[in-house]
Amino acid sequence: MEPVRGVKGFATRPLGRVVLIVVAIATLAASFLFLGPFLAIPAFLLFGLALPIYMGWKRPRQLAMVGLIVLLACGPITSVVETSLIRTPAPPSQSLYGVGGAVLQNASVQPYTGAAGALYHWSVDLRPQHVPKGESGILNITLVVTNCPGTLAAGSSSCPSGYPFIRTNHTFPGGTMTPQRVLMNATLPGSAIWYWQMVGAVHNLTSPSNVTLFFLDAGGYVTIEGPVSGDFLSTFGLIIPGFYEALFLYAGVVFYVALLFYVIFKVREQRRKAARALPPVPTEPVASGATPERPAPAPALPSTQELNCPNCQAVVYPNEVRCWKCGVALPGRQGQAQRGASKP
C-alpha cells in the first residue's frame, strides 16, 4: 500500500500526533478559560475527536488515550492561567447609588496578595453630597469579607457550613455629610480566595424607619473577588480540583459518549462490509416445473463392532458368521455372508 502523503501523512507520524494533541490541549484550555465549560465541549469534540479521525486515527483505544491525555494536561494549564488572573489586583470599585456621582468611590484592598493570617486594609472614599434629596447623611459603612462567593450572610447553602465570615462596621452617629476616606481592617486566616462587599446605609428624612442600603458595583455579582491570602502554589492547589471536576464532568463525559457512538457505528459498518464480502451459495439451475433431486443418502457402513457369542460368550470378529469356538450361527451375520457370496 502506498504511504499517505501531505497533512494526513504527517498526522500519522509521531511528530504529527504530538502536534495534534498540543492543538487539542490549547483549544480546550483557551475555550474553557474564556468561553466557559459548555462552549468548550464542541471545541473539544472538534479538535480532540473529529480532527484526529479525519487525519486517519481510527483506533478507538488510541482516540480514548488522546482524550485522556488532553484532559489531564489541560487541568494544570488552565489552573496556572486562572491562578495568575485571580492574583492580579482588580481595579477600584464604586457604588451605583448616588445622584451626580457615586456615594462610595475608590473602594479597594491592600495588599491584594499577602500571607495567610496577615492583616489586610480596605479603604473607600465617602461622597455624601451625592446622596439623593430626602435621604439622611450616611449612617454607617459595613465591610463583609468571606471565602464563600455570592453571599453576604454567615450561612449559605452554596458553601459548606463553617466558612469564615468577617463583618466590620464603621458607624457615623447621627449620619455624616462630610466627604472623607474610611479605613477598615481585617485579619484573613489561612490560604484562601476571598470575596468582599461594602454596604452603606441612609434613612428617609420623612420616614426615618425606612433604611436604604446601597452596595459597591460588583460587575453583576454580589461580591467582589479578592484579596488572595497565601502564595502562588497554595492558590493553585485551591483551583485545580475544581478545574478537573468541571473538565471531566462536562467535556470528558460528552467526549467519551461521542467516542462510544463512533465505535458502535464502526462496528456496524464492518459487519455490513463483511456480509457483502461473503461469496454467494452456488445453486444448480432447475428446469421449469421439475422437482429438484435430493441427494441419495450415503450407504450405511457395515457394523465393525465386536460381539459375544450368545452360546459360549466367546468374542467373535465382525467378518465371522459363525462362532469360531462352538460353531453356532451368529444372529444378523447370515445376511452379510450372502451379500459377500453374491459379489463376483
C-alpha atoms as a PDB file:
ATOM      1  CA  MET A   1       0.000   0.000   0.000  1.00  0.00           C
ATOM      2  CA  GLU A   2       1.335   3.419  -0.924  1.00  0.00           C
ATOM      3  CA  PRO A   3       2.016   5.619   2.157  1.00  0.00           C
ATOM      4  CA  VAL A   4      -0.263   8.598   2.749  1.00  0.00           C
ATOM      5  CA  ARG A   5       1.362  11.909   1.926  1.00  0.00           C
ATOM      6  CA  GLY A   6       0.630  15.501   2.810  1.00  0.00           C
ATOM      7  CA  VAL A   7      -1.011  16.693   6.004  1.00  0.00           C
ATOM      8  CA  LYS A   8      -2.711  13.370   6.712  1.00  0.00           C
ATOM      9  CA  GLY A   9       0.560  11.551   6.252  1.00  0.00           C
ATOM     10  CA  PHE A  10       2.248  13.940   8.676  1.00  0.00           C
ATOM     11  CA  ALA A  11      -0.552  13.413  11.223  1.00  0.00           C
ATOM     12  CA  THR A  12       0.078   9.663  11.271  1.00  0.00           C
ATOM     13  CA  ARG A  13       3.742  10.104  12.217  1.00  0.00           C
ATOM     14  CA  PRO A  14       4.865  10.597  15.850  1.00  0.00           C
ATOM     15  CA  LEU A  15       5.612  14.316  15.476  1.00  0.00           C
ATOM     16  CA  GLY A  16       2.272  14.906  13.752  1.00  0.00           C
ATOM     17  CA  ARG A  17       0.427  13.139  16.555  1.00  0.00           C
ATOM     18  CA  VAL A  18       2.168  15.300  19.127  1.00  0.00           C
ATOM     19  CA  VAL A  19       1.193  18.437  17.194  1.00  0.00           C
ATOM     20  CA  LEU A  20      -2.465  17.357  17.045  1.00  0.00           C
ATOM     21  CA  ILE A  21      -2.524  16.638  20.779  1.00  0.00           C
ATOM     22  CA  VAL A  22      -0.950  20.035  21.547  1.00  0.00           C
ATOM     23  CA  VAL A  23      -3.545  21.766  19.356  1.00  0.00           C
ATOM     24  CA  ALA A  24      -6.362  19.929  21.167  1.00  0.00           C
ATOM     25  CA  ILE A  25      -4.927  20.880  24.584  1.00  0.00           C
ATOM     26  CA  ALA A  26      -4.519  24.548  23.639  1.00  0.00           C
ATOM     27  CA  THR A  27      -8.010  24.734  22.145  1.00  0.00           C
ATOM     28  CA  LEU A  28      -9.702  23.125  25.127  1.00  0.00           C
ATOM     29  CA  ALA A  29      -7.782  25.259  27.638  1.00  0.00           C
ATOM     30  CA  ALA A  30      -8.487  28.530  25.822  1.00  0.00           C
ATOM     31  CA  SER A  31     -12.166  27.798  25.256  1.00  0.00           C
ATOM     32  CA  PHE A  32     -12.612  26.594  28.849  1.00  0.00           C
ATOM     33  CA  LEU A  33     -10.987  29.718  30.298  1.00  0.00           C
ATOM     34  CA  PHE A  34     -12.507  32.390  28.079  1.00  0.00           C
ATOM     35  CA  LEU A  35     -15.746  30.836  26.760  1.00  0.00           C
ATOM     36  CA  GLY A  36     -16.840  28.650  29.669  1.00  0.00           C
ATOM     37  CA  PRO A  37     -17.223  24.881  30.175  1.00  0.00           C
ATOM     38  CA  PHE A  38     -20.287  24.491  27.949  1.00  0.00           C
ATOM     39  CA  LEU A  39     -18.754  26.163  24.892  1.00  0.00           C
ATOM     40  CA  ALA A  40     -15.554  24.208  25.486  1.00  0.00           C
ATOM     41  CA  ILE A  41     -17.421  20.952  24.740  1.00  0.00           C
ATOM     42  CA  PRO A  42     -17.845  21.456  20.951  1.00  0.00           C
ATOM     43  CA  ALA A  43     -14.256  22.722  20.698  1.00  0.00           C
ATOM     44  CA  PHE A  44     -13.003  19.556  22.401  1.00  0.00           C
ATOM     45  CA  LEU A  45     -15.130  17.324  20.171  1.00  0.00           C
ATOM     46  CA  LEU A  46     -13.863  19.092  17.060  1.00  0.00           C
ATOM     47  CA  PHE A  47     -10.129  19.190  17.838  1.00  0.00           C
ATOM     48  CA  GLY A  48      -9.896  16.179  20.148  1.00  0.00           C
ATOM     49  CA  LEU A  49     -12.065  13.677  18.245  1.00  0.00           C
ATOM     50  CA  ALA A  50     -13.273  14.793  14.802  1.00  0.00           C
ATOM     51  CA  LEU A  51      -9.927  16.168  13.613  1.00  0.00           C
ATOM     52  CA  PRO A  52      -7.874  13.084  14.648  1.00  0.00           C
ATOM     53  CA  ILE A  53     -10.428  10.792  12.962  1.00  0.00           C
ATOM     54  CA  TYR A  54     -10.259  12.875   9.804  1.00  0.00           C
ATOM     55  CA  MET A  55      -6.454  12.696   9.930  1.00  0.00           C
ATOM     56  CA  GLY A  56      -6.544   8.917   9.978  1.00  0.00           C
ATOM     57  CA  TRP A  57      -6.655   7.953  13.651  1.00  0.00           C
ATOM     58  CA  LYS A  58      -9.177   5.123  13.508  1.00  0.00           C
ATOM     59  CA  ARG A  59      -8.389   3.015  16.575  1.00  0.00           C
ATOM     60  CA  PRO A  60     -10.848   3.657  19.442  1.00  0.00           C
ATOM     61  CA  ARG A  61      -8.202   2.882  22.056  1.00  0.00           C
ATOM     62  CA  GLN A  62      -5.901   5.479  20.532  1.00  0.00           C
ATOM     63  CA  LEU A  63      -8.670   8.096  20.458  1.00  0.00           C
ATOM     64  CA  ALA A  64      -9.624   7.347  24.065  1.00  0.00           C
ATOM     65  CA  MET A  65      -5.993   7.772  25.123  1.00  0.00           C
ATOM     66  CA  VAL A  66      -5.776  11.091  23.280  1.00  0.00           C
ATOM     67  CA  GLY A  67      -8.864  12.366  25.097  1.00  0.00           C
ATOM     68  CA  LEU A  68      -7.440  11.352  28.472  1.00  0.00           C
ATOM     69  CA  ILE A  69      -4.084  12.992  27.741  1.00  0.00           C
ATOM     70  CA  VAL A  70      -5.776  16.240  26.673  1.00  0.00           C
ATOM     71  CA  LEU A  71      -7.975  16.346  29.781  1.00  0.00           C
ATOM     72  CA  LEU A  72      -5.114  15.578  32.174  1.00  0.00           C
ATOM     73  CA  ALA A  73      -2.803  18.145  30.570  1.00  0.00           C
ATOM     74  CA  CYS A  74      -5.485  20.816  30.346  1.00  0.00           C
ATOM     75  CA  GLY A  75      -6.102  20.852  34.123  1.00  0.00           C
ATOM     76  CA  PRO A  76      -2.710  22.262  35.193  1.00  0.00           C
ATOM     77  CA  ILE A  77      -2.544  24.662  32.239  1.00  0.00           C
ATOM     78  CA  THR A  78      -5.936  26.231  32.917  1.00  0.00           C
ATOM     79  CA  SER A  79      -5.223  26.299  36.662  1.00  0.00           C
ATOM     80  CA  VAL A  80      -1.929  28.158  36.193  1.00  0.00           C
ATOM     81  CA  VAL A  81      -3.565  30.766  33.954  1.00  0.00           C
ATOM     82  CA  GLU A  82      -6.542  31.148  36.274  1.00  0.00           C
ATOM     83  CA  THR A  83      -4.264  31.441  39.330  1.00  0.00           C
ATOM     84  CA  SER A  84      -2.377  34.279  37.651  1.00  0.00           C
ATOM     85  CA  LEU A  85      -5.629  36.044  36.779  1.00  0.00           C
ATOM     86  CA  ILE A  86      -7.022  35.658  40.290  1.00  0.00           C
ATOM     87  CA  ARG A  87      -3.860  37.025  41.884  1.00  0.00           C
ATOM     88  CA  THR A  88      -3.932  40.100  39.614  1.00  0.00           C
ATOM     89  CA  PRO A  89      -5.393  43.110  41.517  1.00  0.00           C
ATOM     90  CA  ALA A  90      -8.822  44.272  40.436  1.00  0.00           C
ATOM     91  CA  PRO A  91      -9.451  47.996  39.767  1.00  0.00           C
ATOM     92  CA  PRO A  92     -11.127  50.088  42.487  1.00  0.00           C
ATOM     93  CA  SER A  93     -14.898  49.840  42.768  1.00  0.00           C
ATOM     94  CA  GLN A  94     -17.662  52.361  43.338  1.00  0.00           C
ATOM     95  CA  SER A  95     -21.350  52.260  44.139  1.00  0.00           C
ATOM     96  CA  LEU A  96     -24.188  52.708  41.672  1.00  0.00           C
ATOM     97  CA  TYR A  97     -26.100  54.655  44.312  1.00  0.00           C
ATOM     98  CA  GLY A  98     -25.882  58.426  44.052  1.00  0.00           C
ATOM     99  CA  VAL A  99     -27.076  61.490  42.139  1.00  0.00           C
ATOM    100  CA  GLY A 100     -24.426  63.231  40.068  1.00  0.00           C
ATOM    101  CA  GLY A 101     -21.808  60.750  41.236  1.00  0.00           C
ATOM    102  CA  ALA A 102     -21.250  57.657  43.333  1.00  0.00           C
ATOM    103  CA  VAL A 103     -21.633  57.892  47.089  1.00  0.00           C
ATOM    104  CA  LEU A 104     -18.897  55.246  47.542  1.00  0.00           C
ATOM    105  CA  GLN A 105     -15.775  55.712  45.397  1.00  0.00           C
ATOM    106  CA  ASN A 106     -12.303  54.154  45.015  1.00  0.00           C
ATOM    107  CA  ALA A 107     -13.016  51.158  47.217  1.00  0.00           C
ATOM    108  CA  SER A 108     -10.031  48.786  47.282  1.00  0.00           C
ATOM    109  CA  VAL A 109      -7.988  46.434  49.468  1.00  0.00           C
ATOM    110  CA  GLN A 110      -4.265  46.445  50.253  1.00  0.00           C
ATOM    111  CA  PRO A 111      -2.361  44.246  49.860  1.00  0.00           C
ATOM    112  CA  TYR A 112      -4.216  42.288  47.204  1.00  0.00           C
ATOM    113  CA  THR A 113      -1.983  39.243  47.691  1.00  0.00           C
ATOM    114  CA  GLY A 114      -0.436  38.561  51.064  1.00  0.00           C
ATOM    115  CA  ALA A 115       0.484  35.964  53.611  1.00  0.00           C
ATOM    116  CA  ALA A 116      -2.015  33.691  55.300  1.00  0.00           C
ATOM    117  CA  GLY A 117      -3.124  35.177  58.610  1.00  0.00           C
ATOM    118  CA  ALA A 118      -1.929  38.695  57.703  1.00  0.00           C
ATOM    119  CA  LEU A 119      -3.781  41.972  58.283  1.00  0.00           C
ATOM    120  CA  TYR A 120      -5.488  43.423  55.199  1.00  0.00           C
ATOM    121  CA  HIS A 121      -6.669  47.020  54.815  1.00  0.00           C
ATOM    122  CA  TRP A 122      -9.801  48.253  52.999  1.00  0.00           C
ATOM    123  CA  SER A 123     -10.414  51.878  52.080  1.00  0.00           C
ATOM    124  CA  VAL A 124     -13.263  53.806  50.461  1.00  0.00           C
ATOM    125  CA  ASP A 125     -13.964  57.466  49.704  1.00  0.00           C
ATOM    126  CA  LEU A 126     -17.330  58.712  51.013  1.00  0.00           C
ATOM    127  CA  ARG A 127     -19.101  61.377  48.983  1.00  0.00           C
ATOM    128  CA  PRO A 128     -22.273  62.204  50.963  1.00  0.00           C
ATOM    129  CA  GLN A 129     -23.050  65.156  48.660  1.00  0.00           C
ATOM    130  CA  HIS A 130     -24.307  62.619  46.104  1.00  0.00           C
ATOM    131  CA  VAL A 131     -26.934  61.190  48.455  1.00  0.00           C
ATOM    132  CA  PRO A 132     -30.378  61.814  46.858  1.00  0.00           C
ATOM    133  CA  LYS A 133     -32.583  64.536  48.327  1.00  0.00           C
ATOM    134  CA  GLY A 134     -34.893  63.361  51.040  1.00  0.00           C
ATOM    135  CA  GLU A 135     -32.270  60.929  52.418  1.00  0.00           C
ATOM    136  CA  SER A 136     -30.181  61.454  55.530  1.00  0.00           C
ATOM    137  CA  GLY A 137     -26.415  61.512  55.785  1.00  0.00           C
ATOM    138  CA  ILE A 138     -24.540  58.211  55.704  1.00  0.00           C
ATOM    139  CA  LEU A 139     -25.331  56.283  58.878  1.00  0.00           C
ATOM    140  CA  ASN A 140     -22.705  53.504  58.602  1.00  0.00           C
ATOM    141  CA  ILE A 141     -20.485  51.527  56.286  1.00  0.00           C
ATOM    142  CA  THR A 142     -20.241  47.756  56.788  1.00  0.00           C
ATOM    143  CA  LEU A 143     -17.439  45.622  55.374  1.00  0.00           C
ATOM    144  CA  VAL A 144     -18.235  41.929  54.758  1.00  0.00           C
ATOM    145  CA  VAL A 145     -15.387  39.507  53.925  1.00  0.00           C
ATOM    146  CA  THR A 146     -15.808  35.775  53.285  1.00  0.00           C
ATOM    147  CA  ASN A 147     -14.391  32.963  51.141  1.00  0.00           C
ATOM    148  CA  CYS A 148     -17.904  31.912  50.066  1.00  0.00           C
ATOM    149  CA  PRO A 149     -18.628  33.873  46.867  1.00  0.00           C
ATOM    150  CA  GLY A 150     -22.008  35.413  46.275  1.00  0.00           C
ATOM    151  CA  THR A 151     -23.183  35.695  49.865  1.00  0.00           C
ATOM    152  CA  LEU A 152     -23.373  38.437  52.498  1.00  0.00           C
ATOM    153  CA  ALA A 153     -24.561  36.144  55.285  1.00  0.00           C
ATOM    154  CA  ALA A 154     -22.828  33.798  57.695  1.00  0.00           C
ATOM    155  CA  GLY A 155     -24.765  30.812  56.331  1.00  0.00           C
ATOM    156  CA  SER A 156     -25.254  29.880  52.689  1.00  0.00           C
ATOM    157  CA  SER A 157     -26.408  26.664  51.038  1.00  0.00           C
ATOM    158  CA  SER A 158     -23.876  27.170  48.212  1.00  0.00           C
ATOM    159  CA  CYS A 159     -20.875  26.654  50.531  1.00  0.00           C
ATOM    160  CA  PRO A 160     -20.083  24.133  53.295  1.00  0.00           C
ATOM    161  CA  SER A 161     -21.084  25.331  56.732  1.00  0.00           C
ATOM    162  CA  GLY A 162     -18.449  26.888  58.932  1.00  0.00           C
ATOM    163  CA  TYR A 163     -16.744  29.029  56.299  1.00  0.00           C
ATOM    164  CA  PRO A 164     -15.002  32.214  57.553  1.00  0.00           C
ATOM    165  CA  PHE A 165     -17.260  35.246  57.699  1.00  0.00           C
ATOM    166  CA  ILE A 166     -15.827  38.598  58.824  1.00  0.00           C
ATOM    167  CA  ARG A 167     -18.017  41.631  59.423  1.00  0.00           C
ATOM    168  CA  THR A 168     -16.646  45.089  60.311  1.00  0.00           C
ATOM    169  CA  ASN A 169     -18.827  48.146  60.863  1.00  0.00           C
ATOM    170  CA  HIS A 170     -17.919  51.838  60.772  1.00  0.00           C
ATOM    171  CA  THR A 171     -20.731  53.952  62.289  1.00  0.00           C
ATOM    172  CA  PHE A 172     -21.411  57.707  61.970  1.00  0.00           C
ATOM    173  CA  PRO A 173     -23.628  58.802  64.902  1.00  0.00           C
ATOM    174  CA  GLY A 174     -26.477  60.887  63.546  1.00  0.00           C
ATOM    175  CA  GLY A 175     -25.226  60.400  59.969  1.00  0.00           C
ATOM    176  CA  THR A 176     -22.449  62.274  58.180  1.00  0.00           C
ATOM    177  CA  MET A 177     -22.465  64.662  55.251  1.00  0.00           C
ATOM    178  CA  THR A 178     -18.689  65.219  55.327  1.00  0.00           C
ATOM    179  CA  PRO A 179     -16.603  63.815  52.457  1.00  0.00           C
ATOM    180  CA  GLN A 180     -13.914  61.590  53.937  1.00  0.00           C
ATOM    181  CA  ARG A 181     -11.837  58.458  53.487  1.00  0.00           C
ATOM    182  CA  VAL A 182     -12.831  55.457  55.581  1.00  0.00           C
ATOM    183  CA  LEU A 183     -10.354  52.720  56.531  1.00  0.00           C
ATOM    184  CA  MET A 184     -11.259  49.260  57.818  1.00  0.00           C
ATOM    185  CA  ASN A 185      -9.043  46.289  58.650  1.00  0.00           C
ATOM    186  CA  ALA A 186      -9.485  42.524  58.843  1.00  0.00           C
ATOM    187  CA  THR A 187      -7.196  39.584  59.543  1.00  0.00           C
ATOM    188  CA  LEU A 188      -7.666  36.791  56.995  1.00  0.00           C
ATOM    189  CA  PRO A 189      -6.843  33.296  58.314  1.00  0.00           C
ATOM    190  CA  GLY A 190      -5.388  30.557  56.139  1.00  0.00           C
ATOM    191  CA  SER A 191      -4.739  30.377  52.406  1.00  0.00           C
ATOM    192  CA  ALA A 192      -7.905  31.262  50.524  1.00  0.00           C
ATOM    193  CA  ILE A 193      -9.504  33.307  47.771  1.00  0.00           C
ATOM    194  CA  TRP A 194     -11.607  35.942  49.496  1.00  0.00           C
ATOM    195  CA  TYR A 195     -14.667  37.939  48.436  1.00  0.00           C
ATOM    196  CA  TRP A 196     -15.861  41.204  49.929  1.00  0.00           C
ATOM    197  CA  GLN A 197     -18.508  43.878  49.749  1.00  0.00           C
ATOM    198  CA  MET A 198     -19.203  47.254  51.387  1.00  0.00           C
ATOM    199  CA  VAL A 199     -22.748  48.153  52.407  1.00  0.00           C
ATOM    200  CA  GLY A 200     -23.785  51.726  53.169  1.00  0.00           C
ATOM    201  CA  ALA A 201     -26.986  52.828  54.911  1.00  0.00           C
ATOM    202  CA  VAL A 202     -29.095  56.004  54.929  1.00  0.00           C
ATOM    203  CA  HIS A 203     -32.673  56.582  56.041  1.00  0.00           C
ATOM    204  CA  ASN A 204     -35.541  58.602  54.659  1.00  0.00           C
ATOM    205  CA  LEU A 205     -35.907  62.008  56.336  1.00  0.00           C
ATOM    206  CA  THR A 206     -39.712  61.895  56.262  1.00  0.00           C
ATOM    207  CA  SER A 207     -39.819  58.288  57.440  1.00  0.00           C
ATOM    208  CA  PRO A 208     -36.684  57.506  59.487  1.00  0.00           C
ATOM    209  CA  SER A 209     -37.701  53.876  59.960  1.00  0.00           C
ATOM    210  CA  ASN A 210     -37.188  53.238  56.237  1.00  0.00           C
ATOM    211  CA  VAL A 211     -33.486  52.469  55.772  1.00  0.00           C
ATOM    212  CA  THR A 212     -31.929  52.406  52.302  1.00  0.00           C
ATOM    213  CA  LEU A 213     -28.950  50.090  51.770  1.00  0.00           C
ATOM    214  CA  PHE A 214     -26.541  50.584  48.887  1.00  0.00           C
ATOM    215  CA  PHE A 215     -23.623  48.443  47.685  1.00  0.00           C
ATOM    216  CA  LEU A 216     -20.488  48.594  45.619  1.00  0.00           C
ATOM    217  CA  ASP A 217     -20.846  47.646  41.969  1.00  0.00           C
ATOM    218  CA  ALA A 218     -19.531  44.049  41.736  1.00  0.00           C
ATOM    219  CA  GLY A 219     -19.967  43.741  37.976  1.00  0.00           C
ATOM    220  CA  GLY A 220     -23.258  41.873  38.144  1.00  0.00           C
ATOM    221  CA  TYR A 221     -22.237  39.735  41.129  1.00  0.00           C
ATOM    222  CA  VAL A 222     -22.975  40.096  44.817  1.00  0.00           C
ATOM    223  CA  THR A 223     -19.363  40.197  45.999  1.00  0.00           C
ATOM    224  CA  ILE A 224     -16.023  41.435  44.650  1.00  0.00           C
ATOM    225  CA  GLU A 225     -13.232  38.907  44.167  1.00  0.00           C
ATOM    226  CA  GLY A 226     -10.072  39.368  46.252  1.00  0.00           C
ATOM    227  CA  PRO A 227      -7.837  39.578  48.138  1.00  0.00           C
ATOM    228  CA  VAL A 228      -5.867  36.318  47.938  1.00  0.00           C
ATOM    229  CA  SER A 229      -4.058  35.025  51.005  1.00  0.00           C
ATOM    230  CA  GLY A 230      -1.187  32.557  50.632  1.00  0.00           C
ATOM    231  CA  ASP A 231       1.459  32.018  47.959  1.00  0.00           C
ATOM    232  CA  PHE A 232       1.030  31.053  44.298  1.00  0.00           C
ATOM    233  CA  LEU A 233       1.210  27.304  44.901  1.00  0.00           C
ATOM    234  CA  SER A 234      -1.437  27.415  47.614  1.00  0.00           C
ATOM    235  CA  THR A 235      -3.796  29.293  45.289  1.00  0.00           C
ATOM    236  CA  PHE A 236      -3.013  26.807  42.506  1.00  0.00           C
ATOM    237  CA  GLY A 237      -3.878  23.942  44.860  1.00  0.00           C
ATOM    238  CA  LEU A 238      -7.227  25.556  45.645  1.00  0.00           C
ATOM    239  CA  ILE A 239      -8.150  25.945  41.988  1.00  0.00           C
ATOM    240  CA  ILE A 240      -7.018  22.749  40.235  1.00  0.00           C
ATOM    241  CA  PRO A 241      -9.519  20.298  41.839  1.00  0.00           C
ATOM    242  CA  GLY A 242     -12.429  22.418  40.648  1.00  0.00           C
ATOM    243  CA  PHE A 243     -10.981  22.639  37.157  1.00  0.00           C
ATOM    244  CA  TYR A 244     -10.508  18.871  36.909  1.00  0.00           C
ATOM    245  CA  GLU A 245     -14.041  18.292  38.158  1.00  0.00           C
ATOM    246  CA  ALA A 246     -15.508  20.654  35.566  1.00  0.00           C
ATOM    247  CA  LEU A 247     -13.304  19.304  32.748  1.00  0.00           C
ATOM    248  CA  PHE A 248     -14.230  15.661  33.272  1.00  0.00           C
ATOM    249  CA  LEU A 249     -17.855  16.368  34.168  1.00  0.00           C
ATOM    250  CA  TYR A 250     -18.625  18.439  31.090  1.00  0.00           C
ATOM    251  CA  ALA A 251     -16.052  17.964  28.316  1.00  0.00           C
ATOM    252  CA  GLY A 252     -14.892  14.488  29.365  1.00  0.00           C
ATOM    253  CA  VAL A 253     -18.294  12.835  29.656  1.00  0.00           C
ATOM    254  CA  VAL A 254     -19.514  14.211  26.316  1.00  0.00           C
ATOM    255  CA  PHE A 255     -16.234  13.234  24.613  1.00  0.00           C
ATOM    256  CA  TYR A 256     -16.395   9.586  25.680  1.00  0.00           C
ATOM    257  CA  VAL A 257     -20.098   9.300  24.899  1.00  0.00           C
ATOM    258  CA  ALA A 258     -19.357  10.574  21.375  1.00  0.00           C
ATOM    259  CA  LEU A 259     -16.468   8.107  21.120  1.00  0.00           C
ATOM    260  CA  LEU A 260     -18.801   5.266  22.144  1.00  0.00           C
ATOM    261  CA  PHE A 261     -21.241   6.170  19.355  1.00  0.00           C
ATOM    262  CA  TYR A 262     -18.326   6.285  16.913  1.00  0.00           C
ATOM    263  CA  VAL A 263     -17.235   2.772  17.958  1.00  0.00           C
ATOM    264  CA  ILE A 264     -20.790   1.437  17.561  1.00  0.00           C
ATOM    265  CA  PHE A 265     -21.026   2.999  14.105  1.00  0.00           C
ATOM    266  CA  LYS A 266     -17.697   1.488  13.010  1.00  0.00           C
ATOM    267  CA  VAL A 267     -18.658  -1.987  14.272  1.00  0.00           C
ATOM    268  CA  ARG A 268     -21.945  -1.879  12.345  1.00  0.00           C
ATOM    269  CA  GLU A 269     -20.108  -0.672   9.250  1.00  0.00           C
ATOM    270  CA  GLN A 270     -17.581  -3.522   9.465  1.00  0.00           C
ATOM    271  CA  ARG A 271     -20.387  -6.075   9.812  1.00  0.00           C
ATOM    272  CA  ARG A 272     -22.107  -4.735   6.701  1.00  0.00           C
ATOM    273  CA  LYS A 273     -18.850  -4.886   4.733  1.00  0.00           C
ATOM    274  CA  ALA A 274     -18.207  -8.460   5.911  1.00  0.00           C
ATOM    275  CA  ALA A 275     -21.726  -9.514   4.897  1.00  0.00           C
ATOM    276  CA  ARG A 276     -21.276  -8.037   1.405  1.00  0.00           C
ATOM    277  CA  ALA A 277     -17.904  -9.764   1.024  1.00  0.00           C
ATOM    278  CA  LEU A 278     -19.288 -13.311   1.580  1.00  0.00           C
ATOM    279  CA  PRO A 279     -19.382 -15.397  -1.708  1.00  0.00           C
ATOM    280  CA  PRO A 280     -22.877 -16.424  -2.912  1.00  0.00           C
ATOM    281  CA  VAL A 281     -24.005 -20.028  -2.340  1.00  0.00           C
ATOM    282  CA  PRO A 282     -23.805 -21.880  -5.717  1.00  0.00           C
ATOM    283  CA  THR A 283     -27.083 -23.420  -6.889  1.00  0.00           C
ATOM    284  CA  GLU A 284     -27.728 -25.608  -9.980  1.00  0.00           C
ATOM    285  CA  PRO A 285     -30.467 -24.422 -12.333  1.00  0.00           C
ATOM    286  CA  VAL A 286     -33.706 -26.387 -12.164  1.00  0.00           C
ATOM    287  CA  ALA A 287     -35.949 -26.793 -15.175  1.00  0.00           C
ATOM    288  CA  SER A 288     -39.345 -25.179 -15.009  1.00  0.00           C
ATOM    289  CA  GLY A 289     -41.904 -27.453 -13.372  1.00  0.00           C
ATOM    290  CA  ALA A 290     -39.273 -30.027 -12.357  1.00  0.00           C
ATOM    291  CA  THR A 291     -38.629 -31.062  -8.827  1.00  0.00           C
ATOM    292  CA  PRO A 292     -35.005 -30.801  -7.772  1.00  0.00           C
ATOM    293  CA  GLU A 293     -33.499 -34.149  -6.968  1.00  0.00           C
ATOM    294  CA  ARG A 294     -32.445 -34.712  -3.447  1.00  0.00           C
ATOM    295  CA  PRO A 295     -29.041 -36.315  -2.928  1.00  0.00           C
ATOM    296  CA  ALA A 296     -29.192 -40.009  -2.123  1.00  0.00           C
ATOM    297  CA  PRO A 297     -28.341 -40.856   1.434  1.00  0.00           C
ATOM    298  CA  ALA A 298     -24.910 -42.323   1.967  1.00  0.00           C
ATOM    299  CA  PRO A 299     -24.929 -46.130   2.269  1.00  0.00           C
ATOM    300  CA  ALA A 300     -24.727 -47.406   5.763  1.00  0.00           C
ATOM    301  CA  LEU A 301     -21.360 -48.832   6.618  1.00  0.00           C
ATOM    302  CA  PRO A 302     -21.314 -52.405   7.839  1.00  0.00           C
ATOM    303  CA  SER A 303     -21.049 -52.790  11.515  1.00  0.00           C
ATOM    304  CA  THR A 304     -17.492 -53.192  12.697  1.00  0.00           C
ATOM    305  CA  GLN A 305     -18.344 -53.766  16.311  1.00  0.00           C
ATOM    306  CA  GLU A 306     -17.138 -56.953  18.003  1.00  0.00           C
ATOM    307  CA  LEU A 307     -19.810 -59.194  19.562  1.00  0.00           C
ATOM    308  CA  ASN A 308     -20.048 -62.010  22.039  1.00  0.00           C
ATOM    309  CA  CYS A 309     -21.342 -65.427  21.017  1.00  0.00           C
ATOM    310  CA  PRO A 310     -24.820 -65.939  22.500  1.00  0.00           C
ATOM    311  CA  ASN A 311     -23.986 -69.578  23.255  1.00  0.00           C
ATOM    312  CA  CYS A 312     -20.483 -69.595  24.724  1.00  0.00           C
ATOM    313  CA  GLN A 313     -19.823 -65.869  25.130  1.00  0.00           C
ATOM    314  CA  ALA A 314     -16.657 -66.067  23.054  1.00  0.00           C
ATOM    315  CA  VAL A 315     -15.568 -62.844  21.335  1.00  0.00           C
ATOM    316  CA  VAL A 316     -16.220 -63.040  17.581  1.00  0.00           C
ATOM    317  CA  TYR A 317     -14.912 -60.694  14.893  1.00  0.00           C
ATOM    318  CA  PRO A 318     -17.082 -58.598  12.541  1.00  0.00           C
ATOM    319  CA  ASN A 319     -16.457 -60.767   9.451  1.00  0.00           C
ATOM    320  CA  GLU A 320     -17.428 -64.079  11.150  1.00  0.00           C
ATOM    321  CA  VAL A 321     -20.951 -65.547  10.643  1.00  0.00           C
ATOM    322  CA  ARG A 322     -20.443 -68.491  12.993  1.00  0.00           C
ATOM    323  CA  CYS A 323     -18.772 -68.723  16.355  1.00  0.00           C
ATOM    324  CA  TRP A 324     -15.200 -69.899  15.929  1.00  0.00           C
ATOM    325  CA  LYS A 325     -15.430 -71.783  19.218  1.00  0.00           C
ATOM    326  CA  CYS A 326     -18.802 -73.577  19.316  1.00  0.00           C
ATOM    327  CA  GLY A 327     -19.919 -73.208  15.667  1.00  0.00           C
ATOM    328  CA  VAL A 328     -23.302 -71.601  16.463  1.00  0.00           C
ATOM    329  CA  ALA A 329     -24.642 -69.267  13.746  1.00  0.00           C
ATOM    330  CA  LEU A 330     -24.391 -65.671  14.862  1.00  0.00           C
ATOM    331  CA  PRO A 331     -27.619 -63.664  14.669  1.00  0.00           C
ATOM    332  CA  GLY A 332     -27.628 -60.965  11.949  1.00  0.00           C
ATOM    333  CA  ARG A 333     -24.449 -62.248  10.264  1.00  0.00           C
ATOM    334  CA  GLN A 334     -26.066 -64.559   7.649  1.00  0.00           C
ATOM    335  CA  GLY A 335     -27.189 -61.615   5.503  1.00  0.00           C
ATOM    336  CA  GLN A 336     -23.646 -60.289   5.382  1.00  0.00           C
ATOM    337  CA  ALA A 337     -22.391 -63.669   4.300  1.00  0.00           C
ATOM    338  CA  GLN A 338     -24.957 -63.909   1.469  1.00  0.00           C
ATOM    339  CA  ARG A 339     -24.154 -60.374   0.196  1.00  0.00           C
ATOM    340  CA  GLY A 340     -20.493 -61.226   0.249  1.00  0.00           C
ATOM    341  CA  ALA A 341     -21.052 -64.512  -1.692  1.00  0.00           C
ATOM    342  CA  SER A 342     -23.188 -62.796  -4.382  1.00  0.00           C
ATOM    343  CA  LYS A 343     -20.410 -60.351  -5.339  1.00  0.00           C
ATOM    344  CA  PRO A 344     -18.402 -61.523  -8.408  1.00  0.00           C
END
